[in-house]
Amino acid sequence: MPLTLNQFLLLVLTFAAVILVIYLIRLLSQLRRTVAEGEKALTEFGVLAKHLTELDLVVKAKVEDLGKTLDASKKAAVNISQASSLIATKFVAPSSKFLPIALPVARFIWRQWKKRKEKKKDE
């Protein structure tokens, strides 16, 4: 039994409609899976954002502590600088007049002390 042109076109259109429906069903199921994965990713992003804000607070606290430590270090450096300038102006500069005499005397005393130490080792 041969098909007429109308029957053949109806058959082709039916196959095309079935293929289209199958394609749409697969597309919609893939979209549903993609939406589910997107929702999971959004919940994970929310958790990660919460952890990131907690980490940000911790880092800010550490930076504040570091700032306090740096301020204390600056104050200590200023105090050491002032102390060294005081020592240089009050003690080293006036005593530099006596260095040409004091250094040879100190060297002589050092040598004598080393000789005594060596004699005690030999005995």
C-alpha atoms as a PDB file:
ATOM      1  CA  MET A   1       0.000   0.000   0.000  1.00  0.00           C
ATOM      2  CA  PRO A   2       1.708   3.174  -1.161  1.00  0.00           C
ATOM      3  CA  LEU A   3       1.567   6.348   0.938  1.00  0.00           C
ATOM      4  CA  THR A   4       0.030   9.459  -0.388  1.00  0.00           C
ATOM      5  CA  LEU A   5       1.835  12.756  -0.215  1.00  0.00           C
ATOM      6  CA  ASN A   6      -0.354  13.943   2.673  1.00  0.00           C
ATOM      7  CA  GLN A   7       0.287  10.767   4.641  1.00  0.00           C
ATOM      8  CA  PHE A   8       4.013  10.956   3.976  1.00  0.00           C
ATOM      9  CA  LEU A   9       4.140  14.609   5.110  1.00  0.00           C
ATOM     10  CA  LEU A  10       2.081  13.727   8.218  1.00  0.00           C
ATOM     11  CA  LEU A  11       4.529  10.911   9.001  1.00  0.00           C
ATOM     12  CA  VAL A  12       7.554  13.195   8.543  1.00  0.00           C
ATOM     13  CA  LEU A  13       5.947  15.920  10.647  1.00  0.00           C
ATOM     14  CA  THR A  14       5.073  13.351  13.338  1.00  0.00           C
ATOM     15  CA  PHE A  15       8.695  12.113  13.444  1.00  0.00           C
ATOM     16  CA  ALA A  16       9.920  15.707  13.563  1.00  0.00           C
ATOM     17  CA  ALA A  17       7.485  16.490  16.388  1.00  0.00           C
ATOM     18  CA  VAL A  18       8.564  13.388  18.339  1.00  0.00           C
ATOM     19  CA  ILE A  19      12.238  14.251  17.886  1.00  0.00           C
ATOM     20  CA  LEU A  20      11.535  17.842  18.915  1.00  0.00           C
ATOM     21  CA  VAL A  21       9.628  16.728  22.023  1.00  0.00           C
ATOM     22  CA  ILE A  22      12.428  14.305  22.976  1.00  0.00           C
ATOM     23  CA  TYR A  23      15.013  17.062  22.482  1.00  0.00           C
ATOM     24  CA  LEU A  24      12.952  19.501  24.594  1.00  0.00           C
ATOM     25  CA  ILE A  25      12.500  16.897  27.358  1.00  0.00           C
ATOM     26  CA  ARG A  26      16.258  16.254  27.466  1.00  0.00           C
ATOM     27  CA  LEU A  27      16.938  19.995  27.423  1.00  0.00           C
ATOM     28  CA  LEU A  28      14.498  20.632  30.268  1.00  0.00           C
ATOM     29  CA  SER A  29      15.931  17.781  32.367  1.00  0.00           C
ATOM     30  CA  GLN A  30      19.441  19.123  31.793  1.00  0.00           C
ATOM     31  CA  LEU A  31      18.254  22.580  32.816  1.00  0.00           C
ATOM     32  CA  ARG A  32      16.711  21.134  35.976  1.00  0.00           C
ATOM     33  CA  ARG A  33      20.019  19.403  36.859  1.00  0.00           C
ATOM     34  CA  THR A  34      21.909  22.605  36.123  1.00  0.00           C
ATOM     35  CA  VAL A  35      19.580  24.586  38.380  1.00  0.00           C
ATOM     36  CA  ALA A  36      20.067  22.042  41.174  1.00  0.00           C
ATOM     37  CA  GLU A  37      23.861  22.292  40.806  1.00  0.00           C
ATOM     38  CA  GLY A  38      23.587  26.085  40.758  1.00  0.00           C
ATOM     39  CA  GLU A  39      21.606  26.057  44.003  1.00  0.00           C
ATOM     40  CA  LYS A  40      24.250  23.821  45.611  1.00  0.00           C
ATOM     41  CA  ALA A  41      26.982  26.158  44.405  1.00  0.00           C
ATOM     42  CA  LEU A  42      25.119  29.181  45.787  1.00  0.00           C
ATOM     43  CA  THR A  43      24.782  27.566  49.215  1.00  0.00           C
ATOM     44  CA  GLU A  44      28.511  26.723  49.162  1.00  0.00           C
ATOM     45  CA  PHE A  45      29.275  30.314  48.151  1.00  0.00           C
ATOM     46  CA  GLY A  46      27.188  31.519  51.085  1.00  0.00           C
ATOM     47  CA  VAL A  47      29.133  29.325  53.498  1.00  0.00           C
ATOM     48  CA  LEU A  48      32.438  30.428  51.970  1.00  0.00           C
ATOM     49  CA  ALA A  49      31.396  34.075  52.205  1.00  0.00           C
ATOM     50  CA  LYS A  50      30.565  33.590  55.889  1.00  0.00           C
ATOM     51  CA  HIS A  51      33.978  32.034  56.514  1.00  0.00           C
ATOM     52  CA  LEU A  52      35.605  34.822  54.540  1.00  0.00           C
ATOM     53  CA  THR A  53      33.975  37.482  56.693  1.00  0.00           C
ATOM     54  CA  GLU A  54      35.129  35.649  59.840  1.00  0.00           C
ATOM     55  CA  LEU A  55      38.646  35.447  58.400  1.00  0.00           C
ATOM     56  CA  ASP A  56      38.498  39.132  57.532  1.00  0.00           C
ATOM     57  CA  LEU A  57      37.646  39.981  61.151  1.00  0.00           C
ATOM     58  CA  VAL A  58      40.540  37.865  62.414  1.00  0.00           C
ATOM     59  CA  VAL A  59      42.961  39.482  59.963  1.00  0.00           C
ATOM     60  CA  LYS A  60      41.782  42.958  60.961  1.00  0.00           C
ATOM     61  CA  ALA A  61      42.362  42.119  64.625  1.00  0.00           C
ATOM     62  CA  LYS A  62      45.862  40.828  63.851  1.00  0.00           C
ATOM     63  CA  VAL A  63      46.649  43.948  61.807  1.00  0.00           C
ATOM     64  CA  GLU A  64      45.539  46.148  64.702  1.00  0.00           C
ATOM     65  CA  ASP A  65      47.787  44.155  67.064  1.00  0.00           C
ATOM     66  CA  LEU A  66      50.630  44.516  64.592  1.00  0.00           C
ATOM     67  CA  GLY A  67      50.044  48.277  64.460  1.00  0.00           C
ATOM     68  CA  LYS A  68      50.304  48.450  68.248  1.00  0.00           C
ATOM     69  CA  THR A  69      53.518  46.415  68.135  1.00  0.00           C
ATOM     70  CA  LEU A  70      54.961  48.713  65.474  1.00  0.00           C
ATOM     71  CA  ASP A  71      54.114  51.777  67.565  1.00  0.00           C
ATOM     72  CA  ALA A  72      55.827  50.226  70.573  1.00  0.00           C
ATOM     73  CA  SER A  73      58.849  49.386  68.423  1.00  0.00           C
ATOM     74  CA  LYS A  74      59.023  52.960  67.156  1.00  0.00           C
ATOM     75  CA  LYS A  75      58.904  54.280  70.708  1.00  0.00           C
ATOM     76  CA  ALA A  76      61.650  51.858  71.739  1.00  0.00           C
ATOM     77  CA  ALA A  77      63.810  52.902  68.783  1.00  0.00           C
ATOM     78  CA  VAL A  78      63.338  56.585  69.665  1.00  0.00           C
ATOM     79  CA  ASN A  79      64.256  55.905  73.291  1.00  0.00           C
ATOM     80  CA  ILE A  80      67.350  53.929  72.272  1.00  0.00           C
ATOM     81  CA  SER A  81      68.359  56.729  69.916  1.00  0.00           C
ATOM     82  CA  GLN A  82      67.969  59.308  72.653  1.00  0.00           C
ATOM     83  CA  ALA A  83      69.937  57.154  75.092  1.00  0.00           C
ATOM     84  CA  SER A  84      72.764  56.603  72.614  1.00  0.00           C
ATOM     85  CA  SER A  85      72.981  60.313  71.837  1.00  0.00           C
ATOM     86  CA  LEU A  86      73.022  61.047  75.577  1.00  0.00           C
ATOM     87  CA  ILE A  87      75.809  58.521  76.106  1.00  0.00           C
ATOM     88  CA  ALA A  88      77.744  59.908  73.150  1.00  0.00           C
ATOM     89  CA  THR A  89      77.477  63.536  74.284  1.00  0.00           C
ATOM     90  CA  LYS A  90      77.850  63.070  78.039  1.00  0.00           C
ATOM     91  CA  PHE A  91      80.321  60.190  78.367  1.00  0.00           C
ATOM     92  CA  VAL A  92      82.128  59.298  75.141  1.00  0.00           C
ATOM     93  CA  ALA A  93      82.947  62.798  73.924  1.00  0.00           C
ATOM     94  CA  PRO A  94      84.507  63.982  77.232  1.00  0.00           C
ATOM     95  CA  SER A  95      86.319  60.701  77.750  1.00  0.00           C
ATOM     96  CA  SER A  96      87.814  60.786  74.259  1.00  0.00           C
ATOM     97  CA  LYS A  97      90.497  63.093  75.660  1.00  0.00           C
ATOM     98  CA  PHE A  98      91.759  60.176  77.736  1.00  0.00           C
ATOM     99  CA  LEU A  99      91.540  57.477  75.027  1.00  0.00           C
ATOM    100  CA  PRO A 100      95.162  57.896  73.812  1.00  0.00           C
ATOM    101  CA  ILE A 101      96.274  57.076  77.337  1.00  0.00           C
ATOM    102  CA  ALA A 102      93.544  54.600  78.329  1.00  0.00           C
ATOM    103  CA  LEU A 103      93.808  52.295  75.300  1.00  0.00           C
ATOM    104  CA  PRO A 104      97.492  51.364  75.718  1.00  0.00           C
ATOM    105  CA  VAL A 105      96.971  50.891  79.460  1.00  0.00           C
ATOM    106  CA  ALA A 106      93.947  48.651  78.809  1.00  0.00           C
ATOM    107  CA  ARG A 107      95.911  46.664  76.217  1.00  0.00           C
ATOM    108  CA  PHE A 108      98.788  46.193  78.700  1.00  0.00           C
ATOM    109  CA  ILE A 109      96.416  45.031  81.438  1.00  0.00           C
ATOM    110  CA  TRP A 110      94.704  42.641  79.009  1.00  0.00           C
ATOM    111  CA  ARG A 111      98.022  41.052  78.001  1.00  0.00           C
ATOM    112  CA  GLN A 112      99.057  40.636  81.625  1.00  0.00           C
ATOM    113  CA  TRP A 113      95.767  39.015  82.468  1.00  0.00           C
ATOM    114  CA  LYS A 114      96.069  36.583  79.519  1.00  0.00           C
ATOM    115  CA  LYS A 115      99.589  35.647  80.617  1.00  0.00           C
ATOM    116  CA  ARG A 116      98.382  34.837  84.135  1.00  0.00           C
ATOM    117  CA  LYS A 117      95.578  32.780  82.704  1.00  0.00           C
ATOM    118  CA  GLU A 118      98.015  30.787  80.544  1.00  0.00           C
ATOM    119  CA  LYS A 119     100.308  30.226  83.516  1.00  0.00           C
ATOM    120  CA  LYS A 120      97.424  28.834  85.538  1.00  0.00           C
ATOM    121  CA  LYS A 121      96.572  26.450  82.667  1.00  0.00           C
ATOM    122  CA  ASP A 122     100.169  25.169  82.454  1.00  0.00           C
ATOM    123  CA  GLU A 123     100.389  24.463  86.169  1.00  0.00           C
END
